[in-house]
Amino acid sequence: MLHYAVVFFVIALIAALFGFGGIAASAAGIAQVLFFVFIVLAVGSFIVGLIKRN
């Protein structure tokens, strides 16, 4: 999940560099959503791991 967020972020940077503002904004939005999904899943996994350990 984090890998895809980084890939979309790089696509957004390259698109912005070449002047494709719409594509850059879309790719940045997708990267942001994927990053927040990664954070939620990572925290959830950490909490479940703590609960199951006890």
C-alpha atoms as a PDB file:
ATOM      1  CA  MET A   1       0.000   0.000   0.000  1.00  0.00           C
ATOM      2  CA  LEU A   2       2.766   2.411   0.907  1.00  0.00           C
ATOM      3  CA  HIS A   3       4.600   1.435  -2.273  1.00  0.00           C
ATOM      4  CA  TYR A   4       1.628   2.478  -4.413  1.00  0.00           C
ATOM      5  CA  ALA A   5       1.347   5.770  -2.528  1.00  0.00           C
ATOM      6  CA  VAL A   6       4.987   6.537  -3.273  1.00  0.00           C
ATOM      7  CA  VAL A   7       4.551   5.551  -6.935  1.00  0.00           C
ATOM      8  CA  PHE A   8       1.572   7.898  -7.349  1.00  0.00           C
ATOM      9  CA  PHE A   9       3.497  10.655  -5.566  1.00  0.00           C
ATOM     10  CA  VAL A  10       6.386  10.277  -8.007  1.00  0.00           C
ATOM     11  CA  ILE A  11       3.932  10.306 -10.926  1.00  0.00           C
ATOM     12  CA  ALA A  12       2.428  13.514  -9.524  1.00  0.00           C
ATOM     13  CA  LEU A  13       5.859  15.130  -9.248  1.00  0.00           C
ATOM     14  CA  ILE A  14       6.812  14.176 -12.801  1.00  0.00           C
ATOM     15  CA  ALA A  15       3.448  15.333 -14.171  1.00  0.00           C
ATOM     16  CA  ALA A  16       3.778  18.646 -12.339  1.00  0.00           C
ATOM     17  CA  LEU A  17       7.300  19.071 -13.680  1.00  0.00           C
ATOM     18  CA  PHE A  18       6.043  18.717 -17.250  1.00  0.00           C
ATOM     19  CA  GLY A  19       3.065  21.013 -16.660  1.00  0.00           C
ATOM     20  CA  PHE A  20       0.204  18.521 -16.493  1.00  0.00           C
ATOM     21  CA  GLY A  21      -1.614  20.109 -13.562  1.00  0.00           C
ATOM     22  CA  GLY A  22      -4.791  18.026 -13.702  1.00  0.00           C
ATOM     23  CA  ILE A  23      -2.965  14.719 -13.829  1.00  0.00           C
ATOM     24  CA  ALA A  24      -0.595  15.869 -11.084  1.00  0.00           C
ATOM     25  CA  ALA A  25      -3.489  16.848  -8.817  1.00  0.00           C
ATOM     26  CA  SER A  26      -5.270  13.556  -9.426  1.00  0.00           C
ATOM     27  CA  ALA A  27      -2.149  11.488  -8.776  1.00  0.00           C
ATOM     28  CA  ALA A  28      -1.395  13.482  -5.626  1.00  0.00           C
ATOM     29  CA  GLY A  29      -4.950  12.928  -4.377  1.00  0.00           C
ATOM     30  CA  ILE A  30      -4.703   9.193  -4.991  1.00  0.00           C
ATOM     31  CA  ALA A  31      -1.323   9.100  -3.233  1.00  0.00           C
ATOM     32  CA  GLN A  32      -2.785  10.935  -0.249  1.00  0.00           C
ATOM     33  CA  VAL A  33      -5.729   8.538   0.050  1.00  0.00           C
ATOM     34  CA  LEU A  34      -3.470   5.486  -0.224  1.00  0.00           C
ATOM     35  CA  PHE A  35      -1.130   6.893   2.417  1.00  0.00           C
ATOM     36  CA  PHE A  36      -3.965   7.458   4.883  1.00  0.00           C
ATOM     37  CA  VAL A  37      -5.338   3.968   4.208  1.00  0.00           C
ATOM     38  CA  PHE A  38      -1.839   2.620   4.909  1.00  0.00           C
ATOM     39  CA  ILE A  39      -1.666   4.536   8.195  1.00  0.00           C
ATOM     40  CA  VAL A  40      -5.083   3.264   9.317  1.00  0.00           C
ATOM     41  CA  LEU A  41      -4.218  -0.346   8.432  1.00  0.00           C
ATOM     42  CA  ALA A  42      -0.799  -0.111  10.105  1.00  0.00           C
ATOM     43  CA  VAL A  43      -2.265   1.264  13.338  1.00  0.00           C
ATOM     44  CA  GLY A  44      -5.062  -1.317  13.251  1.00  0.00           C
ATOM     45  CA  SER A  45      -2.563  -4.117  12.729  1.00  0.00           C
ATOM     46  CA  PHE A  46      -0.444  -2.824  15.598  1.00  0.00           C
ATOM     47  CA  ILE A  47      -3.428  -2.708  17.956  1.00  0.00           C
ATOM     48  CA  VAL A  48      -4.620  -6.191  16.956  1.00  0.00           C
ATOM     49  CA  GLY A  49      -1.078  -7.494  17.467  1.00  0.00           C
ATOM     50  CA  LEU A  50      -0.992  -6.020  20.969  1.00  0.00           C
ATOM     51  CA  ILE A  51      -4.373  -7.511  21.853  1.00  0.00           C
ATOM     52  CA  LYS A  52      -3.566 -10.990  20.522  1.00  0.00           C
ATOM     53  CA  ARG A  53      -0.185 -11.059  22.268  1.00  0.00           C
ATOM     54  CA  ASN A  54      -1.766 -10.848  25.722  1.00  0.00           C
END
